Amino acid sequence: MLKRFVIMLCLLLTGCSSQWIARSDIDGTIEQNNQKIFIGIPVLASLEGSMARLDESWILTAKHNRVILALQGREVYYHPYCDIALVKNAGTISAAVGMVFNGQEILHVGYPIGLPLSASKGKYVGDVFVQGWDGCQMSATTGVVSSGMSGGGVYNDHDELIGINHGYVSGSVLWPNGEQASHPAVFVSLYAVKDWLQLVTGKDYYR
């Protein structure tokens, strides 16, 4: 396993709109496994986010979408200190769960505010701790994440679900191994919270 480096960063949850992949370039199963959540009137006066299906019983999203989830009256389980939540929801399509290592390609998927399902390719560059989420190790990539994509799925080059979008860093980041990224996207790795996933669902996704 390649060594990963951890640094402290300050995350700014604002948007960016470059490097998008066309909707038609998103795998059909991945497209079906991601959905928009919102309250209010989309774009004009609303709170918006994204969700990604984990399996036939659960959907994942970002913990900071909790206002939307609360107002929708969903059955939700929040991680105690990471930006991730499990939502009880029955479905027929599930994603294979996987991992990613330094330098490997990833795909961020979600619904930017005012846009249809979109995706951005990048590569995994290192692990980070984000200010305000003490004790939660997150992962950074060279991909692009925009407002509204929080909670959408992140996939490796085998189309396996590896995490959910959190946001992106405002500025450039240099890792001790020499890796550097400008405005890196940040996601919560499912492997980093695998014990919590098993505690809530009763299923070991990394067995």
Protein backbone atom coordinates (compact mmCIF):
# COMPACT_ATOMS: atom_id res chain seq x y z
CA MET A 1 0.00 0.00 0.00
CA LEU A 2 1.31 3.43 -0.88
CA LYS A 3 2.00 5.71 2.03
CA ARG A 4 -0.48 8.52 2.54
CA PHE A 5 0.20 11.88 4.13
CA VAL A 6 -2.09 13.86 6.39
CA ILE A 7 -2.15 17.64 6.78
CA MET A 8 -4.42 20.22 8.38
CA LEU A 9 -6.47 22.33 5.99
CA CYS A 10 -9.18 24.96 6.13
CA LEU A 11 -12.07 24.06 3.83
CA LEU A 12 -14.17 26.62 2.00
CA LEU A 13 -17.48 25.21 0.75
CA THR A 14 -17.98 27.33 -2.36
CA GLY A 15 -18.37 26.36 -5.96
CA CYS A 16 -16.42 26.00 -9.15
CA SER A 17 -17.73 25.09 -12.58
CA SER A 18 -14.81 23.96 -14.77
CA GLN A 19 -13.68 20.53 -15.99
CA TRP A 20 -17.16 18.99 -16.11
CA ILE A 21 -17.82 15.70 -17.88
CA ALA A 22 -20.93 15.43 -20.04
CA ARG A 23 -23.89 13.68 -18.47
CA SER A 24 -23.72 11.00 -21.17
CA ASP A 25 -20.21 10.05 -20.02
CA ILE A 26 -21.45 8.92 -16.60
CA ASP A 27 -21.91 5.16 -16.26
CA GLY A 28 -25.58 4.16 -16.26
CA THR A 29 -25.45 2.44 -12.89
CA ILE A 30 -23.62 5.35 -11.29
CA GLU A 31 -26.20 7.74 -12.75
CA GLN A 32 -29.05 5.72 -11.27
CA ASN A 33 -27.31 5.52 -7.89
CA ASN A 34 -27.04 9.31 -7.44
CA GLN A 35 -29.92 11.68 -6.78
CA LYS A 36 -30.64 15.29 -5.86
CA ILE A 37 -32.18 16.28 -2.53
CA PHE A 38 -33.66 19.72 -1.91
CA ILE A 39 -36.25 21.79 -0.12
CA GLY A 40 -37.85 24.92 -1.53
CA ILE A 41 -37.75 26.04 -5.16
CA PRO A 42 -34.61 24.71 -6.90
CA VAL A 43 -32.04 27.43 -7.74
CA LEU A 44 -34.33 30.33 -6.74
CA ALA A 45 -34.87 29.70 -3.03
CA SER A 46 -33.74 26.31 -1.86
CA LEU A 47 -31.27 24.15 0.00
CA GLU A 48 -29.79 21.53 -2.30
CA GLY A 49 -27.50 18.53 -2.00
CA SER A 50 -26.80 15.11 -3.45
CA MET A 51 -27.08 11.49 -2.30
CA ALA A 52 -25.44 8.23 -3.41
CA ARG A 53 -26.89 4.76 -2.99
CA LEU A 54 -24.83 2.34 -0.90
CA ASP A 55 -26.99 -0.78 -1.20
CA GLU A 56 -30.60 -1.93 -1.43
CA SER A 57 -31.39 -0.54 2.03
CA TRP A 58 -29.23 2.57 2.49
CA ILE A 59 -28.31 5.86 0.82
CA LEU A 60 -25.34 8.03 1.80
CA THR A 61 -25.11 11.81 1.93
CA ALA A 62 -23.17 14.57 3.66
CA LYS A 63 -23.92 15.24 7.31
CA HIS A 64 -24.05 18.99 6.59
CA ASN A 65 -27.20 18.30 4.51
CA ARG A 66 -28.98 17.57 7.79
CA VAL A 67 -31.39 20.54 7.51
CA ILE A 68 -32.76 19.13 4.25
CA LEU A 69 -32.98 15.63 5.70
CA ALA A 70 -34.71 16.82 8.88
CA LEU A 71 -37.34 18.79 6.98
CA GLN A 72 -37.98 15.79 4.72
CA GLY A 73 -38.61 13.60 7.76
CA ARG A 74 -36.20 10.86 6.73
CA GLU A 75 -34.78 8.14 8.99
CA VAL A 76 -31.16 9.28 9.25
CA TYR A 77 -28.08 8.14 11.16
CA TYR A 78 -25.27 10.70 11.46
CA HIS A 79 -21.61 9.89 11.97
CA PRO A 80 -20.50 11.34 15.34
CA TYR A 81 -17.68 13.47 13.90
CA CYS A 82 -17.38 12.95 10.11
CA ASP A 83 -19.40 14.68 7.39
CA ILE A 84 -21.38 11.62 6.38
CA ALA A 85 -24.87 10.28 7.06
CA LEU A 86 -26.77 7.07 6.34
CA VAL A 87 -30.38 7.38 5.19
CA LYS A 88 -32.74 4.41 5.39
CA ASN A 89 -34.16 4.01 1.90
CA ALA A 90 -35.16 0.93 -0.09
CA GLY A 91 -33.87 0.54 -3.63
CA THR A 92 -33.08 -2.07 -6.25
CA ILE A 93 -29.62 -0.97 -7.41
CA SER A 94 -26.55 -1.03 -5.19
CA ALA A 95 -22.93 -0.08 -5.70
CA ALA A 96 -19.84 -2.20 -5.21
CA VAL A 97 -17.70 -0.65 -2.47
CA GLY A 98 -13.96 -0.20 -2.97
CA MET A 99 -10.81 1.74 -2.15
CA VAL A 100 -8.36 4.11 -3.85
CA PHE A 101 -4.61 4.72 -3.49
CA ASN A 102 -2.26 7.59 -4.30
CA GLY A 103 -2.23 8.56 -7.96
CA GLN A 104 -5.24 6.49 -8.96
CA GLU A 105 -8.13 8.04 -10.89
CA ILE A 106 -11.42 8.94 -9.21
CA LEU A 107 -14.76 10.36 -10.32
CA HIS A 108 -16.79 12.90 -8.31
CA VAL A 109 -20.54 12.75 -9.09
CA GLY A 110 -23.37 15.00 -7.95
CA TYR A 111 -25.89 17.72 -8.77
CA PRO A 112 -24.36 21.24 -8.88
CA ILE A 113 -26.93 23.91 -8.09
CA GLY A 114 -28.89 24.69 -11.26
CA LEU A 115 -27.31 21.87 -13.27
CA PRO A 116 -28.16 18.24 -14.08
CA LEU A 117 -26.13 15.32 -12.78
CA SER A 118 -22.47 16.12 -13.44
CA ALA A 119 -19.11 14.50 -12.86
CA SER A 120 -15.45 15.44 -12.63
CA LYS A 121 -12.41 13.21 -13.01
CA GLY A 122 -9.25 13.62 -10.97
CA LYS A 123 -6.70 11.61 -9.06
CA TYR A 124 -6.32 10.87 -5.37
CA VAL A 125 -3.42 12.89 -3.94
CA GLY A 126 -3.50 12.55 -0.14
CA ASP A 127 -5.38 12.58 3.13
CA VAL A 128 -6.38 15.70 5.05
CA PHE A 129 -7.95 16.86 8.29
CA VAL A 130 -10.43 19.68 7.71
CA GLN A 131 -10.99 22.48 10.21
CA GLY A 132 -14.35 22.08 11.92
CA TRP A 133 -14.38 18.31 11.51
CA ASP A 134 -11.97 17.34 14.27
CA GLY A 135 -10.96 13.70 14.32
CA CYS A 136 -12.26 12.97 10.83
CA GLN A 137 -9.64 12.03 8.27
CA MET A 138 -10.77 12.97 4.77
CA SER A 139 -9.26 12.51 1.31
CA ALA A 140 -8.24 15.08 -1.32
CA THR A 141 -8.22 14.82 -5.12
CA THR A 142 -7.47 16.93 -8.19
CA GLY A 143 -11.14 16.73 -9.17
CA VAL A 144 -13.72 19.53 -9.07
CA VAL A 145 -16.65 19.74 -6.65
CA SER A 146 -19.32 22.47 -6.77
CA SER A 147 -22.03 23.61 -4.37
CA GLY A 148 -24.91 21.13 -4.50
CA MET A 149 -22.64 18.13 -5.10
CA SER A 150 -22.10 17.54 -1.37
CA GLY A 151 -23.16 13.99 -0.53
CA GLY A 152 -22.81 12.71 -4.08
CA GLY A 153 -20.77 9.60 -4.78
CA VAL A 154 -17.03 9.34 -5.40
CA TYR A 155 -15.91 6.33 -7.45
CA ASN A 156 -12.61 4.67 -8.35
CA ASP A 157 -11.61 3.54 -11.84
CA HIS A 158 -13.48 0.27 -11.31
CA ASP A 159 -16.75 2.21 -10.75
CA GLU A 160 -16.68 1.17 -7.09
CA LEU A 161 -18.09 3.60 -4.52
CA ILE A 162 -15.22 4.86 -2.34
CA GLY A 163 -16.75 7.87 -0.58
CA ILE A 164 -19.02 10.91 -0.72
CA ASN A 165 -18.29 14.53 -1.63
CA HIS A 166 -17.60 16.98 1.18
CA GLY A 167 -16.38 20.16 -0.54
CA TYR A 168 -13.12 21.66 -1.74
CA VAL A 169 -10.14 23.59 -0.43
CA SER A 170 -9.77 27.25 -1.35
CA GLY A 171 -6.13 27.59 -2.44
CA SER A 172 -3.22 25.33 -3.27
CA VAL A 173 -2.07 22.45 -1.08
CA LEU A 174 1.39 20.88 -0.95
CA TRP A 175 1.82 17.42 0.58
CA PRO A 176 5.09 16.28 2.22
CA ASN A 177 5.63 13.77 -0.60
CA GLY A 178 5.76 16.58 -3.16
CA GLU A 179 2.21 16.18 -4.45
CA GLN A 180 0.46 19.50 -5.05
CA ALA A 181 -3.11 20.39 -5.98
CA SER A 182 -4.90 23.67 -6.62
CA HIS A 183 -8.37 23.87 -5.04
CA PRO A 184 -8.44 20.11 -4.36
CA ALA A 185 -11.79 18.43 -3.90
CA VAL A 186 -12.35 16.68 -0.57
CA PHE A 187 -14.38 13.55 0.17
CA VAL A 188 -15.15 11.31 3.13
CA SER A 189 -13.71 7.84 2.48
CA LEU A 190 -16.01 4.92 3.25
CA TYR A 191 -13.00 2.91 4.37
CA ALA A 192 -12.23 5.57 6.99
CA VAL A 193 -15.72 5.12 8.50
CA LYS A 194 -16.15 1.38 7.84
CA ASP A 195 -16.64 0.52 11.53
CA TRP A 196 -19.48 3.04 11.80
CA LEU A 197 -21.07 1.73 8.60
CA GLN A 198 -21.06 -1.77 10.05
CA LEU A 199 -22.40 -0.55 13.40
CA VAL A 200 -25.42 1.13 11.78
CA THR A 201 -26.18 -1.31 8.95
CA GLY A 202 -24.93 -4.57 10.45
CA LYS A 203 -22.97 -5.19 7.26
CA ASP A 204 -19.19 -5.31 6.78
CA TYR A 205 -18.64 -3.66 3.39
CA TYR A 206 -14.90 -4.40 3.41
CA ARG A 207 -14.99 -8.07 4.39
